[in-house]
Amino acid sequence: MRLITHNMLQCHVKGCNANNFPLEFQEVELEQEEAEMNEDFLRNMLTKLEYDALVSTCLKLGINDLPATMPADAAYNDEFLQILHRVILETHVKSGKMICPNCKHIYNIRDGIPNMLLAEHEV
């Protein structure tokens, strides 16, 4: 699972409507996988990313490459776009857990795939 995916996931347990984003990682195994850079895609994603949550998550994972705030010229800052590309598209979570900060529901990640399915009583 790429970090761009994590940045779009929130807990969807019935009644868990507050403080359910971002899901917190535990016991993760990270892997870097090269991917072709697409500047247009990255520029389009800038407005869709929850940047503060991304930076916070990265810091908890030991990734200190992103600036604390998005640069004003982010869309045309080649150095920033390269860092963003490496973080959101080349950093993969191979295994671990995502835990809701509100209800503490655990979403397991196995072979890079998060299990977001809920039991019947949680829907």
PDB file of N, CA and C in Angstrom:
ATOM      1  N   MET A   1       0.846  -1.161   0.000  1.00  0.00           N
ATOM      2  CA  MET A   1       0.000   0.000   0.000  1.00  0.00           C
ATOM      3  C   MET A   1       0.899   1.233   0.000  1.00  0.00           C
ATOM      4  N   ARG A   2       0.642   2.118  -0.896  1.00  0.00           N
ATOM      5  CA  ARG A   2       1.399   3.358  -0.977  1.00  0.00           C
ATOM      6  C   ARG A   2       0.888   4.357   0.059  1.00  0.00           C
ATOM      7  N   LEU A   3       1.748   5.294   0.423  1.00  0.00           N
ATOM      8  CA  LEU A   3       1.338   6.302   1.398  1.00  0.00           C
ATOM      9  C   LEU A   3       0.265   7.231   0.842  1.00  0.00           C
ATOM     10  N   ILE A   4       0.171   7.358  -0.470  1.00  0.00           N
ATOM     11  CA  ILE A   4      -0.911   8.154  -1.050  1.00  0.00           C
ATOM     12  C   ILE A   4      -2.265   7.507  -0.729  1.00  0.00           C
ATOM     13  N   THR A   5      -2.311   6.191  -0.722  1.00  0.00           N
ATOM     14  CA  THR A   5      -3.548   5.482  -0.381  1.00  0.00           C
ATOM     15  C   THR A   5      -3.895   5.719   1.077  1.00  0.00           C
ATOM     16  N   HIS A   6      -2.913   5.578   1.953  1.00  0.00           N
ATOM     17  CA  HIS A   6      -3.150   5.794   3.378  1.00  0.00           C
ATOM     18  C   HIS A   6      -3.707   7.185   3.631  1.00  0.00           C
ATOM     19  N   ASN A   7      -3.248   8.171   2.877  1.00  0.00           N
ATOM     20  CA  ASN A   7      -3.679   9.551   3.068  1.00  0.00           C
ATOM     21  C   ASN A   7      -5.145   9.760   2.715  1.00  0.00           C
ATOM     22  N   MET A   8      -5.764   8.773   2.095  1.00  0.00           N
ATOM     23  CA  MET A   8      -7.171   8.893   1.705  1.00  0.00           C
ATOM     24  C   MET A   8      -8.083   7.961   2.493  1.00  0.00           C
ATOM     25  N   LEU A   9      -7.522   7.188   3.405  1.00  0.00           N
ATOM     26  CA  LEU A   9      -8.314   6.223   4.170  1.00  0.00           C
ATOM     27  C   LEU A   9      -8.696   6.786   5.532  1.00  0.00           C
ATOM     28  N   GLN A  10      -9.904   6.466   5.941  1.00  0.00           N
ATOM     29  CA  GLN A  10     -10.336   6.779   7.295  1.00  0.00           C
ATOM     30  C   GLN A  10     -11.172   5.623   7.807  1.00  0.00           C
ATOM     31  N   CYS A  11     -11.336   5.584   9.111  1.00  0.00           N
ATOM     32  CA  CYS A  11     -12.128   4.511   9.714  1.00  0.00           C
ATOM     33  C   CYS A  11     -13.584   4.659   9.282  1.00  0.00           C
ATOM     34  N   HIS A  12     -14.219   3.544   8.967  1.00  0.00           N
ATOM     35  CA  HIS A  12     -15.614   3.583   8.567  1.00  0.00           C
ATOM     36  C   HIS A  12     -16.480   2.650   9.417  1.00  0.00           C
ATOM     37  N   VAL A  13     -16.048   2.415  10.664  1.00  0.00           N
ATOM     38  CA  VAL A  13     -16.867   1.650  11.604  1.00  0.00           C
ATOM     39  C   VAL A  13     -18.107   2.480  11.923  1.00  0.00           C
ATOM     40  N   LYS A  14     -19.242   1.820  12.029  1.00  0.00           N
ATOM     41  CA  LYS A  14     -20.509   2.491  12.329  1.00  0.00           C
ATOM     42  C   LYS A  14     -20.365   3.355  13.584  1.00  0.00           C
ATOM     43  N   GLY A  15     -20.739   4.613  13.465  1.00  0.00           N
ATOM     44  CA  GLY A  15     -20.694   5.536  14.588  1.00  0.00           C
ATOM     45  C   GLY A  15     -19.343   6.190  14.827  1.00  0.00           C
ATOM     46  N   CYS A  16     -18.341   5.784  14.104  1.00  0.00           N
ATOM     47  CA  CYS A  16     -17.005   6.376  14.269  1.00  0.00           C
ATOM     48  C   CYS A  16     -16.871   7.512  13.256  1.00  0.00           C
ATOM     49  N   ASN A  17     -17.321   8.683  13.661  1.00  0.00           N
ATOM     50  CA  ASN A  17     -17.385   9.799  12.721  1.00  0.00           C
ATOM     51  C   ASN A  17     -16.463  10.963  13.065  1.00  0.00           C
ATOM     52  N   ALA A  18     -15.767  10.866  14.175  1.00  0.00           N
ATOM     53  CA  ALA A  18     -14.877  11.957  14.575  1.00  0.00           C
ATOM     54  C   ALA A  18     -13.508  11.393  14.917  1.00  0.00           C
ATOM     55  N   ASN A  19     -12.485  12.175  14.661  1.00  0.00           N
ATOM     56  CA  ASN A  19     -11.115  11.776  14.969  1.00  0.00           C
ATOM     57  C   ASN A  19     -10.774  10.394  14.407  1.00  0.00           C
ATOM     58  N   ASN A  20     -11.247  10.117  13.188  1.00  0.00           N
ATOM     59  CA  ASN A  20     -11.011   8.808  12.571  1.00  0.00           C
ATOM     60  C   ASN A  20     -10.017   8.869  11.408  1.00  0.00           C
ATOM     61  N   PHE A  21      -9.239   9.953  11.362  1.00  0.00           N
ATOM     62  CA  PHE A  21      -8.256  10.172  10.301  1.00  0.00           C
ATOM     63  C   PHE A  21      -7.116  10.996  10.875  1.00  0.00           C
ATOM     64  N   PRO A  22      -5.904  10.722  10.512  1.00  0.00           N
ATOM     65  CA  PRO A  22      -5.435   9.560   9.752  1.00  0.00           C
ATOM     66  C   PRO A  22      -5.347   8.329  10.649  1.00  0.00           C
ATOM     67  N   LEU A  23      -5.447   7.182  10.032  1.00  0.00           N
ATOM     68  CA  LEU A  23      -5.248   5.931  10.752  1.00  0.00           C
ATOM     69  C   LEU A  23      -3.775   5.841  11.145  1.00  0.00           C
ATOM     70  N   GLU A  24      -3.538   5.337  12.331  1.00  0.00           N
ATOM     71  CA  GLU A  24      -2.169   5.280  12.862  1.00  0.00           C
ATOM     72  C   GLU A  24      -1.524   3.934  12.528  1.00  0.00           C
ATOM     73  N   PHE A  25      -0.312   3.991  12.053  1.00  0.00           N
ATOM     74  CA  PHE A  25       0.428   2.772  11.728  1.00  0.00           C
ATOM     75  C   PHE A  25       1.053   2.167  12.981  1.00  0.00           C
ATOM     76  N   GLN A  26       1.091   0.843  13.005  1.00  0.00           N
ATOM     77  CA  GLN A  26       1.829   0.091  14.021  1.00  0.00           C
ATOM     78  C   GLN A  26       2.463  -1.119  13.364  1.00  0.00           C
ATOM     79  N   GLU A  27       3.647  -1.451  13.839  1.00  0.00           N
ATOM     80  CA  GLU A  27       4.352  -2.669  13.412  1.00  0.00           C
ATOM     81  C   GLU A  27       4.455  -2.785  11.890  1.00  0.00           C
ATOM     82  N   VAL A  28       4.807  -1.679  11.239  1.00  0.00           N
ATOM     83  CA  VAL A  28       4.837  -1.689   9.775  1.00  0.00           C
ATOM     84  C   VAL A  28       6.192  -2.101   9.229  1.00  0.00           C
ATOM     85  N   GLU A  29       6.128  -2.701   8.077  1.00  0.00           N
ATOM     86  CA  GLU A  29       7.312  -3.013   7.287  1.00  0.00           C
ATOM     87  C   GLU A  29       7.214  -2.166   6.023  1.00  0.00           C
ATOM     88  N   LEU A  30       8.181  -1.281   5.842  1.00  0.00           N
ATOM     89  CA  LEU A  30       8.200  -0.404   4.675  1.00  0.00           C
ATOM     90  C   LEU A  30       9.147  -0.935   3.618  1.00  0.00           C
ATOM     91  N   GLU A  31       8.844  -0.564   2.379  1.00  0.00           N
ATOM     92  CA  GLU A  31       9.697  -0.949   1.260  1.00  0.00           C
ATOM     93  C   GLU A  31       9.666   0.169   0.231  1.00  0.00           C
ATOM     94  N   GLN A  32      10.800   0.445  -0.366  1.00  0.00           N
ATOM     95  CA  GLN A  32      10.875   1.429  -1.447  1.00  0.00           C
ATOM     96  C   GLN A  32      10.808   0.686  -2.777  1.00  0.00           C
ATOM     97  N   GLU A  33       9.902   1.115  -3.643  1.00  0.00           N
ATOM     98  CA  GLU A  33       9.773   0.539  -4.978  1.00  0.00           C
ATOM     99  C   GLU A  33       9.771   1.680  -5.979  1.00  0.00           C
ATOM    100  N   GLU A  34      10.726   1.655  -6.896  1.00  0.00           N
ATOM    101  CA  GLU A  34      10.810   2.716  -7.890  1.00  0.00           C
ATOM    102  C   GLU A  34       9.562   2.759  -8.748  1.00  0.00           C
ATOM    103  N   ALA A  35       9.166   3.993  -9.074  1.00  0.00           N
ATOM    104  CA  ALA A  35       8.024   4.221  -9.955  1.00  0.00           C
ATOM    105  C   ALA A  35       8.358   5.409 -10.847  1.00  0.00           C
ATOM    106  N   GLU A  36       7.825   5.392 -12.040  1.00  0.00           N
ATOM    107  CA  GLU A  36       8.064   6.491 -12.962  1.00  0.00           C
ATOM    108  C   GLU A  36       7.379   7.750 -12.444  1.00  0.00           C
ATOM    109  N   MET A  37       8.087   8.864 -12.483  1.00  0.00           N
ATOM    110  CA  MET A  37       7.537  10.120 -11.983  1.00  0.00           C
ATOM    111  C   MET A  37       6.650  10.775 -13.032  1.00  0.00           C
ATOM    112  N   ASN A  38       5.490  11.238 -12.598  1.00  0.00           N
ATOM    113  CA  ASN A  38       4.542  11.919 -13.463  1.00  0.00           C
ATOM    114  C   ASN A  38       4.191  13.258 -12.808  1.00  0.00           C
ATOM    115  N   GLU A  39       4.826  14.326 -13.261  1.00  0.00           N
ATOM    116  CA  GLU A  39       4.651  15.642 -12.646  1.00  0.00           C
ATOM    117  C   GLU A  39       3.207  16.123 -12.711  1.00  0.00           C
ATOM    118  N   ASP A  40       2.513  15.855 -13.813  1.00  0.00           N
ATOM    119  CA  ASP A  40       1.117  16.292 -13.937  1.00  0.00           C
ATOM    120  C   ASP A  40       0.240  15.618 -12.882  1.00  0.00           C
ATOM    121  N   PHE A  41       0.448  14.334 -12.676  1.00  0.00           N
ATOM    122  CA  PHE A  41      -0.310  13.617 -11.642  1.00  0.00           C
ATOM    123  C   PHE A  41      -0.047  14.230 -10.273  1.00  0.00           C
ATOM    124  N   LEU A  42       1.217  14.469  -9.963  1.00  0.00           N
ATOM    125  CA  LEU A  42       1.566  15.048  -8.663  1.00  0.00           C
ATOM    126  C   LEU A  42       0.942  16.427  -8.489  1.00  0.00           C
ATOM    127  N   ARG A  43       0.991  17.242  -9.518  1.00  0.00           N
ATOM    128  CA  ARG A  43       0.382  18.581  -9.435  1.00  0.00           C
ATOM    129  C   ARG A  43      -1.120  18.483  -9.176  1.00  0.00           C
ATOM    130  N   ASN A  44      -1.777  17.552  -9.828  1.00  0.00           N
ATOM    131  CA  ASN A  44      -3.217  17.373  -9.620  1.00  0.00           C
ATOM    132  C   ASN A  44      -3.529  16.860  -8.214  1.00  0.00           C
ATOM    133  N   MET A  45      -2.623  16.102  -7.635  1.00  0.00           N
ATOM    134  CA  MET A  45      -2.845  15.545  -6.302  1.00  0.00           C
ATOM    135  C   MET A  45      -2.610  16.548  -5.177  1.00  0.00           C
ATOM    136  N   LEU A  46      -1.901  17.621  -5.447  1.00  0.00           N
ATOM    137  CA  LEU A  46      -1.554  18.579  -4.392  1.00  0.00           C
ATOM    138  C   LEU A  46      -2.773  19.084  -3.636  1.00  0.00           C
ATOM    139  N   THR A  47      -3.867  19.349  -4.325  1.00  0.00           N
ATOM    140  CA  THR A  47      -5.070  19.867  -3.661  1.00  0.00           C
ATOM    141  C   THR A  47      -5.885  18.762  -2.990  1.00  0.00           C
ATOM    142  N   LYS A  48      -5.601  17.524  -3.325  1.00  0.00           N
ATOM    143  CA  LYS A  48      -6.361  16.404  -2.765  1.00  0.00           C
ATOM    144  C   LYS A  48      -5.704  15.802  -1.526  1.00  0.00           C
ATOM    145  N   LEU A  49      -4.414  16.036  -1.359  1.00  0.00           N
ATOM    146  CA  LEU A  49      -3.685  15.482  -0.221  1.00  0.00           C
ATOM    147  C   LEU A  49      -4.027  16.219   1.065  1.00  0.00           C
ATOM    148  N   GLU A  50      -4.138  15.484   2.133  1.00  0.00           N
ATOM    149  CA  GLU A  50      -4.207  16.068   3.473  1.00  0.00           C
ATOM    150  C   GLU A  50      -2.757  16.188   3.921  1.00  0.00           C
ATOM    151  N   TYR A  51      -2.138  17.309   3.562  1.00  0.00           N
ATOM    152  CA  TYR A  51      -0.693  17.438   3.697  1.00  0.00           C
ATOM    153  C   TYR A  51      -0.225  17.336   5.146  1.00  0.00           C
ATOM    154  N   ASP A  52      -0.909  17.988   6.067  1.00  0.00           N
ATOM    155  CA  ASP A  52      -0.497  17.927   7.477  1.00  0.00           C
ATOM    156  C   ASP A  52      -0.514  16.485   7.986  1.00  0.00           C
ATOM    157  N   ALA A  53      -1.546  15.732   7.605  1.00  0.00           N
ATOM    158  CA  ALA A  53      -1.633  14.328   8.014  1.00  0.00           C
ATOM    159  C   ALA A  53      -0.508  13.515   7.384  1.00  0.00           C
ATOM    160  N   LEU A  54      -0.176  13.807   6.133  1.00  0.00           N
ATOM    161  CA  LEU A  54       0.910  13.107   5.456  1.00  0.00           C
ATOM    162  C   LEU A  54       2.236  13.351   6.169  1.00  0.00           C
ATOM    163  N   VAL A  55       2.517  14.608   6.490  1.00  0.00           N
ATOM    164  CA  VAL A  55       3.762  14.942   7.179  1.00  0.00           C
ATOM    165  C   VAL A  55       3.810  14.255   8.539  1.00  0.00           C
ATOM    166  N   SER A  56       2.714  14.291   9.276  1.00  0.00           N
ATOM    167  CA  SER A  56       2.654  13.664  10.596  1.00  0.00           C
ATOM    168  C   SER A  56       2.899  12.160  10.508  1.00  0.00           C
ATOM    169  N   THR A  57       2.248  11.519   9.562  1.00  0.00           N
ATOM    170  CA  THR A  57       2.422  10.079   9.363  1.00  0.00           C
ATOM    171  C   THR A  57       3.868   9.766   9.005  1.00  0.00           C
ATOM    172  N   CYS A  58       4.433  10.533   8.096  1.00  0.00           N
ATOM    173  CA  CYS A  58       5.819  10.299   7.683  1.00  0.00           C
ATOM    174  C   CYS A  58       6.774  10.425   8.861  1.00  0.00           C
ATOM    175  N   LEU A  59       6.592  11.442   9.666  1.00  0.00           N
ATOM    176  CA  LEU A  59       7.469  11.620  10.822  1.00  0.00           C
ATOM    177  C   LEU A  59       7.383  10.428  11.767  1.00  0.00           C
ATOM    178  N   LYS A  60       6.179   9.896  11.968  1.00  0.00           N
ATOM    179  CA  LYS A  60       5.999   8.725  12.840  1.00  0.00           C
ATOM    180  C   LYS A  60       6.663   7.482  12.250  1.00  0.00           C
ATOM    181  N   LEU A  61       6.794   7.459  10.929  1.00  0.00           N
ATOM    182  CA  LEU A  61       7.440   6.330  10.253  1.00  0.00           C
ATOM    183  C   LEU A  61       8.945   6.540  10.091  1.00  0.00           C
ATOM    184  N   GLY A  62       9.440   7.681  10.542  1.00  0.00           N
ATOM    185  CA  GLY A  62      10.863   7.969  10.422  1.00  0.00           C
ATOM    186  C   GLY A  62      11.265   8.555   9.086  1.00  0.00           C
ATOM    187  N   ILE A  63      10.295   9.060   8.343  1.00  0.00           N
ATOM    188  CA  ILE A  63      10.558   9.691   7.046  1.00  0.00           C
ATOM    189  C   ILE A  63      10.539  11.199   7.271  1.00  0.00           C
ATOM    190  N   ASN A  64      11.704  11.816   7.173  1.00  0.00           N
ATOM    191  CA  ASN A  64      11.830  13.235   7.502  1.00  0.00           C
ATOM    192  C   ASN A  64      12.075  14.113   6.279  1.00  0.00           C
ATOM    193  N   ASP A  65      11.729  13.649   5.105  1.00  0.00           N
ATOM    194  CA  ASP A  65      12.072  14.347   3.868  1.00  0.00           C
ATOM    195  C   ASP A  65      11.155  15.520   3.530  1.00  0.00           C
ATOM    196  N   LEU A  66       9.885  15.437   3.903  1.00  0.00           N
ATOM    197  CA  LEU A  66       8.925  16.473   3.528  1.00  0.00           C
ATOM    198  C   LEU A  66       9.078  17.722   4.391  1.00  0.00           C
ATOM    199  N   PRO A  67       8.931  18.909   3.783  1.00  0.00           N
ATOM    200  CA  PRO A  67       8.914  20.124   4.599  1.00  0.00           C
ATOM    201  C   PRO A  67       7.642  20.147   5.454  1.00  0.00           C
ATOM    202  N   ALA A  68       7.694  20.851   6.578  1.00  0.00           N
ATOM    203  CA  ALA A  68       6.549  20.902   7.510  1.00  0.00           C
ATOM    204  C   ALA A  68       5.307  21.486   6.863  1.00  0.00           C
ATOM    205  N   THR A  69       5.486  22.431   5.966  1.00  0.00           N
ATOM    206  CA  THR A  69       4.351  22.999   5.240  1.00  0.00           C
ATOM    207  C   THR A  69       4.632  22.900   3.748  1.00  0.00           C
ATOM    208  N   MET A  70       3.557  22.789   2.996  1.00  0.00           N
ATOM    209  CA  MET A  70       3.723  22.688   1.546  1.00  0.00           C
ATOM    210  C   MET A  70       4.223  24.022   1.003  1.00  0.00           C
ATOM    211  N   PRO A  71       5.249  24.006   0.184  1.00  0.00           N
ATOM    212  CA  PRO A  71       5.759  25.255  -0.388  1.00  0.00           C
ATOM    213  C   PRO A  71       4.690  25.958  -1.228  1.00  0.00           C
ATOM    214  N   ALA A  72       4.722  27.279  -1.221  1.00  0.00           N
ATOM    215  CA  ALA A  72       3.758  28.057  -2.003  1.00  0.00           C
ATOM    216  C   ALA A  72       3.868  27.736  -3.495  1.00  0.00           C
ATOM    217  N   ASP A  73       5.070  27.418  -3.938  1.00  0.00           N
ATOM    218  CA  ASP A  73       5.298  27.102  -5.348  1.00  0.00           C
ATOM    219  C   ASP A  73       5.361  25.597  -5.598  1.00  0.00           C
ATOM    220  N   ALA A  74       4.673  24.824  -4.780  1.00  0.00           N
ATOM    221  CA  ALA A  74       4.771  23.356  -4.815  1.00  0.00           C
ATOM    222  C   ALA A  74       4.566  22.777  -6.210  1.00  0.00           C
ATOM    223  N   ALA A  75       3.620  23.295  -6.946  1.00  0.00           N
ATOM    224  CA  ALA A  75       3.293  22.730  -8.262  1.00  0.00           C
ATOM    225  C   ALA A  75       4.434  22.867  -9.264  1.00  0.00           C
ATOM    226  N   TYR A  76       5.338  23.814  -9.023  1.00  0.00           N
ATOM    227  CA  TYR A  76       6.427  24.043  -9.973  1.00  0.00           C
ATOM    228  C   TYR A  76       7.799  23.943  -9.316  1.00  0.00           C
ATOM    229  N   ASN A  77       7.828  23.397  -8.133  1.00  0.00           N
ATOM    230  CA  ASN A  77       9.070  23.211  -7.397  1.00  0.00           C
ATOM    231  C   ASN A  77       9.542  21.780  -7.647  1.00  0.00           C
ATOM    232  N   ASP A  78      10.467  21.615  -8.577  1.00  0.00           N
ATOM    233  CA  ASP A  78      10.914  20.282  -8.989  1.00  0.00           C
ATOM    234  C   ASP A  78      11.472  19.468  -7.822  1.00  0.00           C
ATOM    235  N   GLU A  79      12.230  20.110  -6.965  1.00  0.00           N
ATOM    236  CA  GLU A  79      12.808  19.394  -5.811  1.00  0.00           C
ATOM    237  C   GLU A  79      11.700  18.867  -4.888  1.00  0.00           C
ATOM    238  N   PHE A  80      10.700  19.705  -4.610  1.00  0.00           N
ATOM    239  CA  PHE A  80       9.584  19.273  -3.767  1.00  0.00           C
ATOM    240  C   PHE A  80       8.805  18.139  -4.433  1.00  0.00           C
ATOM    241  N   LEU A  81       8.524  18.260  -5.725  1.00  0.00           N
ATOM    242  CA  LEU A  81       7.767  17.223  -6.428  1.00  0.00           C
ATOM    243  C   LEU A  81       8.511  15.887  -6.414  1.00  0.00           C
ATOM    244  N   GLN A  82       9.829  15.923  -6.524  1.00  0.00           N
ATOM    245  CA  GLN A  82      10.605  14.681  -6.460  1.00  0.00           C
ATOM    246  C   GLN A  82      10.512  14.042  -5.081  1.00  0.00           C
ATOM    247  N   ILE A  83      10.588  14.856  -4.042  1.00  0.00           N
ATOM    248  CA  ILE A  83      10.461  14.327  -2.681  1.00  0.00           C
ATOM    249  C   ILE A  83       9.058  13.764  -2.477  1.00  0.00           C
ATOM    250  N   LEU A  84       8.052  14.517  -2.888  1.00  0.00           N
ATOM    251  CA  LEU A  84       6.666  14.067  -2.746  1.00  0.00           C
ATOM    252  C   LEU A  84       6.446  12.752  -3.481  1.00  0.00           C
ATOM    253  N   HIS A  85       6.973  12.659  -4.695  1.00  0.00           N
ATOM    254  CA  HIS A  85       6.864  11.427  -5.483  1.00  0.00           C
ATOM    255  C   HIS A  85       7.461  10.243  -4.722  1.00  0.00           C
ATOM    256  N   ARG A  86       8.668  10.436  -4.195  1.00  0.00           N
ATOM    257  CA  ARG A  86       9.344   9.360  -3.466  1.00  0.00           C
ATOM    258  C   ARG A  86       8.520   8.937  -2.239  1.00  0.00           C
ATOM    259  N   VAL A  87       7.946   9.909  -1.547  1.00  0.00           N
ATOM    260  CA  VAL A  87       7.206   9.602  -0.323  1.00  0.00           C
ATOM    261  C   VAL A  87       5.861   8.943  -0.620  1.00  0.00           C
ATOM    262  N   ILE A  88       5.046   9.530  -1.482  1.00  0.00           N
ATOM    263  CA  ILE A  88       3.679   9.007  -1.646  1.00  0.00           C
ATOM    264  C   ILE A  88       3.537   7.893  -2.666  1.00  0.00           C
ATOM    265  N   LEU A  89       4.474   7.794  -3.598  1.00  0.00           N
ATOM    266  CA  LEU A  89       4.322   6.789  -4.653  1.00  0.00           C
ATOM    267  C   LEU A  89       5.366   5.680  -4.622  1.00  0.00           C
ATOM    268  N   GLU A  90       6.503   5.921  -3.998  1.00  0.00           N
ATOM    269  CA  GLU A  90       7.542   4.891  -3.967  1.00  0.00           C
ATOM    270  C   GLU A  90       7.685   4.238  -2.594  1.00  0.00           C
ATOM    271  N   THR A  91       7.085   4.814  -1.563  1.00  0.00           N
ATOM    272  CA  THR A  91       7.130   4.214  -0.231  1.00  0.00           C
ATOM    273  C   THR A  91       5.904   3.321  -0.069  1.00  0.00           C
ATOM    274  N   HIS A  92       6.142   2.045   0.152  1.00  0.00           N
ATOM    275  CA  HIS A  92       5.063   1.068   0.278  1.00  0.00           C
ATOM    276  C   HIS A  92       5.062   0.452   1.680  1.00  0.00           C
ATOM    277  N   VAL A  93       3.879   0.291   2.226  1.00  0.00           N
ATOM    278  CA  VAL A  93       3.711  -0.435   3.487  1.00  0.00           C
ATOM    279  C   VAL A  93       3.395  -1.870   3.100  1.00  0.00           C
ATOM    280  N   LYS A  94       4.314  -2.775   3.383  1.00  0.00           N
ATOM    281  CA  LYS A  94       4.147  -4.178   2.994  1.00  0.00           C
ATOM    282  C   LYS A  94       3.300  -4.954   3.999  1.00  0.00           C
ATOM    283  N   SER A  95       3.450  -4.619   5.286  1.00  0.00           N
ATOM    284  CA  SER A  95       2.667  -5.304   6.310  1.00  0.00           C
ATOM    285  C   SER A  95       2.592  -4.418   7.543  1.00  0.00           C
ATOM    286  N   GLY A  96       1.652  -4.741   8.405  1.00  0.00           N
ATOM    287  CA  GLY A  96       1.479  -3.996   9.646  1.00  0.00           C
ATOM    288  C   GLY A  96       0.016  -3.806   9.967  1.00  0.00           C
ATOM    289  N   LYS A  97      -0.250  -2.757  10.704  1.00  0.00           N
ATOM    290  CA  LYS A  97      -1.616  -2.458  11.132  1.00  0.00           C
ATOM    291  C   LYS A  97      -1.869  -0.966  11.010  1.00  0.00           C
ATOM    292  N   MET A  98      -3.131  -0.638  10.735  1.00  0.00           N
ATOM    293  CA  MET A  98      -3.597   0.741  10.832  1.00  0.00           C
ATOM    294  C   MET A  98      -4.661   0.733  11.923  1.00  0.00           C
ATOM    295  N   ILE A  99      -4.562   1.664  12.842  1.00  0.00           N
ATOM    296  CA  ILE A  99      -5.475   1.697  13.976  1.00  0.00           C
ATOM    297  C   ILE A  99      -6.190   3.041  14.001  1.00  0.00           C
ATOM    298  N   CYS A 100      -7.509   3.002  14.175  1.00  0.00           N
ATOM    299  CA  CYS A 100      -8.304   4.217  14.257  1.00  0.00           C
ATOM    300  C   CYS A 100      -7.991   4.920  15.576  1.00  0.00           C
ATOM    301  N   PRO A 101      -7.646   6.204  15.522  1.00  0.00           N
ATOM    302  CA  PRO A 101      -7.347   6.925  16.759  1.00  0.00           C
ATOM    303  C   PRO A 101      -8.579   7.125  17.638  1.00  0.00           C
ATOM    304  N   ASN A 102      -9.772   6.958  17.089  1.00  0.00           N
ATOM    305  CA  ASN A 102     -11.009   7.161  17.843  1.00  0.00           C
ATOM    306  C   ASN A 102     -11.513   5.857  18.467  1.00  0.00           C
ATOM    307  N   CYS A 103     -11.881   4.902  17.634  1.00  0.00           N
ATOM    308  CA  CYS A 103     -12.518   3.672  18.146  1.00  0.00           C
ATOM    309  C   CYS A 103     -11.531   2.526  18.340  1.00  0.00           C
ATOM    310  N   LYS A 104     -10.283   2.713  17.916  1.00  0.00           N
ATOM    311  CA  LYS A 104      -9.200   1.730  18.069  1.00  0.00           C
ATOM    312  C   LYS A 104      -9.385   0.477  17.216  1.00  0.00           C
ATOM    313  N   HIS A 105     -10.268   0.541  16.201  1.00  0.00           N
ATOM    314  CA  HIS A 105     -10.424  -0.600  15.292  1.00  0.00           C
ATOM    315  C   HIS A 105      -9.107  -0.819  14.560  1.00  0.00           C
ATOM    316  N   ILE A 106      -8.751  -2.072  14.379  1.00  0.00           N
ATOM    317  CA  ILE A 106      -7.496  -2.434  13.714  1.00  0.00           C
ATOM    318  C   ILE A 106      -7.775  -2.911  12.290  1.00  0.00           C
ATOM    319  N   TYR A 107      -7.069  -2.298  11.352  1.00  0.00           N
ATOM    320  CA  TYR A 107      -7.104  -2.719   9.949  1.00  0.00           C
ATOM    321  C   TYR A 107      -5.737  -3.311   9.640  1.00  0.00           C
ATOM    322  N   ASN A 108      -5.695  -4.596   9.376  1.00  0.00           N
ATOM    323  CA  ASN A 108      -4.431  -5.278   9.091  1.00  0.00           C
ATOM    324  C   ASN A 108      -4.002  -5.039   7.650  1.00  0.00           C
ATOM    325  N   ILE A 109      -2.694  -5.005   7.459  1.00  0.00           N
ATOM    326  CA  ILE A 109      -2.097  -4.869   6.124  1.00  0.00           C
ATOM    327  C   ILE A 109      -1.244  -6.112   5.894  1.00  0.00           C
ATOM    328  N   ARG A 110      -1.535  -6.823   4.835  1.00  0.00           N
ATOM    329  CA  ARG A 110      -0.781  -8.031   4.508  1.00  0.00           C
ATOM    330  C   ARG A 110      -0.464  -8.006   3.022  1.00  0.00           C
ATOM    331  N   ASP A 111       0.785  -8.268   2.701  1.00  0.00           N
ATOM    332  CA  ASP A 111       1.244  -8.266   1.306  1.00  0.00           C
ATOM    333  C   ASP A 111       0.906  -6.951   0.607  1.00  0.00           C
ATOM    334  N   GLY A 112       0.976  -5.842   1.366  1.00  0.00           N
ATOM    335  CA  GLY A 112       0.733  -4.528   0.806  1.00  0.00           C
ATOM    336  C   GLY A 112      -0.723  -4.162   0.611  1.00  0.00           C
ATOM    337  N   ILE A 113      -1.634  -5.011   1.099  1.00  0.00           N
ATOM    338  CA  ILE A 113      -3.069  -4.769   0.902  1.00  0.00           C
ATOM    339  C   ILE A 113      -3.747  -4.561   2.252  1.00  0.00           C
ATOM    340  N   PRO A 114      -4.363  -3.382   2.455  1.00  0.00           N
ATOM    341  CA  PRO A 114      -5.077  -3.164   3.716  1.00  0.00           C
ATOM    342  C   PRO A 114      -6.430  -3.862   3.689  1.00  0.00           C
ATOM    343  N   ASN A 115      -6.781  -4.533   4.775  1.00  0.00           N
ATOM    344  CA  ASN A 115      -8.086  -5.182   4.880  1.00  0.00           C
ATOM    345  C   ASN A 115      -9.038  -4.179   5.522  1.00  0.00           C
ATOM    346  N   MET A 116      -9.857  -3.543   4.699  1.00  0.00           N
ATOM    347  CA  MET A 116     -10.793  -2.533   5.178  1.00  0.00           C
ATOM    348  C   MET A 116     -12.193  -3.099   5.385  1.00  0.00           C
ATOM    349  N   LEU A 117     -12.336  -4.423   5.255  1.00  0.00           N
ATOM    350  CA  LEU A 117     -13.642  -5.040   5.461  1.00  0.00           C
ATOM    351  C   LEU A 117     -13.998  -5.042   6.944  1.00  0.00           C
ATOM    352  N   LEU A 118     -15.271  -4.862   7.231  1.00  0.00           N
ATOM    353  CA  LEU A 118     -15.764  -4.834   8.603  1.00  0.00           C
ATOM    354  C   LEU A 118     -16.655  -6.037   8.872  1.00  0.00           C
ATOM    355  N   ALA A 119     -16.709  -6.425  10.136  1.00  0.00           N
ATOM    356  CA  ALA A 119     -17.651  -7.460  10.532  1.00  0.00           C
ATOM    357  C   ALA A 119     -19.069  -6.883  10.452  1.00  0.00           C
ATOM    358  N   GLU A 120     -20.063  -7.749  10.326  1.00  0.00           N
ATOM    359  CA  GLU A 120     -21.431  -7.305  10.142  1.00  0.00           C
ATOM    360  C   GLU A 120     -21.903  -6.328  11.232  1.00  0.00           C
ATOM    361  N   HIS A 121     -21.519  -6.563  12.479  1.00  0.00           N
ATOM    362  CA  HIS A 121     -21.956  -5.690  13.569  1.00  0.00           C
ATOM    363  C   HIS A 121     -21.263  -4.331  13.571  1.00  0.00           C
ATOM    364  N   GLU A 122     -20.214  -4.167  12.744  1.00  0.00           N
ATOM    365  CA  GLU A 122     -19.480  -2.900  12.675  1.00  0.00           C
ATOM    366  C   GLU A 122     -19.977  -2.001  11.554  1.00  0.00           C
ATOM    367  N   VAL A 123     -20.818  -2.528  10.680  1.00  0.00           N
ATOM    368  CA  VAL A 123     -21.288  -1.775   9.512  1.00  0.00           C
ATOM    369  C   VAL A 123     -22.468  -0.917   9.862  1.00  0.00           C
TER     370      VAL A 123
END
